[in-house]
Amino acid sequence: MLLLYELGLAEKIPAAAVSKMTEVLKGHYLPVFPVKAEEFPEGTDPYRKIACHCAVGSAYQLLFACGVDVDKELPWMRPWFLKYQLPDGGLNCDEAAYTKPVPKSSIVTTLPCLEAVLFCRKRELTAEETEFLDKGAAYLLKHKLLRKASTGEIIDKDWLEIAFPRFYEYDFLRGYYFLAKWRERSGFVIPGELTEEVEELVSRQLTEKGIVLKRYNLTSKRSYNPGAGGAWAMGEASEFDLMKENSYEGCPCPPLTEKWNEVKPKTTMAGEPNGLRKPG
């Protein structure tokens, strides 16, 4: 379902699947994210009954694209994003982060939540949502999309490569696309040197066919799988034909090429102060 959504083909997802997913989400997951042991209901499987933030952000976007009134059907979802934003502007799927003296967010966790709030709505943003997005954008800028704020070191070298499908993984272009779209809406400034770095990284995979992938994006992935007798355990991730047809070395990627064309440097505002809004 997420692959079809990323391909821009959400309308191809069977209505029965969308309805069933919505129904299951209403009762399967806790409508909260427990961060302390005493907040976990007894007998709760933490892998299968507690949603991570990036899963909630992805599910919200998927259902919205399929025409579901998510706020009506699953009213706990949108407030979830704002509730669990940490002081640094992001979120973290590791519940231990919320009890540390200085909590630190995860970029991977944060992006699907920011996307859901900005892109999935049929109304104006509230003041609280605007603050949420401003803080999230500032968090990404502080990390220059993929670097440790303390040292400037690359957090994960995989993020330097544009990959598809993403599901709720991350790369520099995903972060930049959000920043560019938030800039359009708010006037939030992206430093020129960051845009230049993004342009250089994109150029590594840009051909006359558009953005071209370097590899298959399911390699070495693992999954929490059902086993004999109803037990669940970590194991190999399964794959399917549509995935393989849209993710391989040398595969042109029209969906991400289109996104890049929306935000490429013709909109750059070089030389403006980091993270400030335009005057007036």
Foldseek 3Di string as FASTA:
>chain_A
DLQCVLLVNLVPPDPVVLVVVLVCVLPQEDLAADLDPVPDPPPDDCVGHHDFQLRLLSNLSSSLSNVDPCCVSPVSRLVRQLVQQDPQLFHDRNSPLVVDPHRDHDPLNGLSNLCSLPPRDDDDHDPSNLVSNLSNLLSCLCQLNAHDNVPRHGPDVCQLFDFPDQSSGHHSLSSVLSNQVVCVVFQWADAPVSLVVVVVSQVVQQDPLFGFHAAQPQPPDWDFDADPPRDTDIDHDDDDDVSVQQGGGGHRHVSSRVSCVVRHDVVHDYPDDHGDGDDD
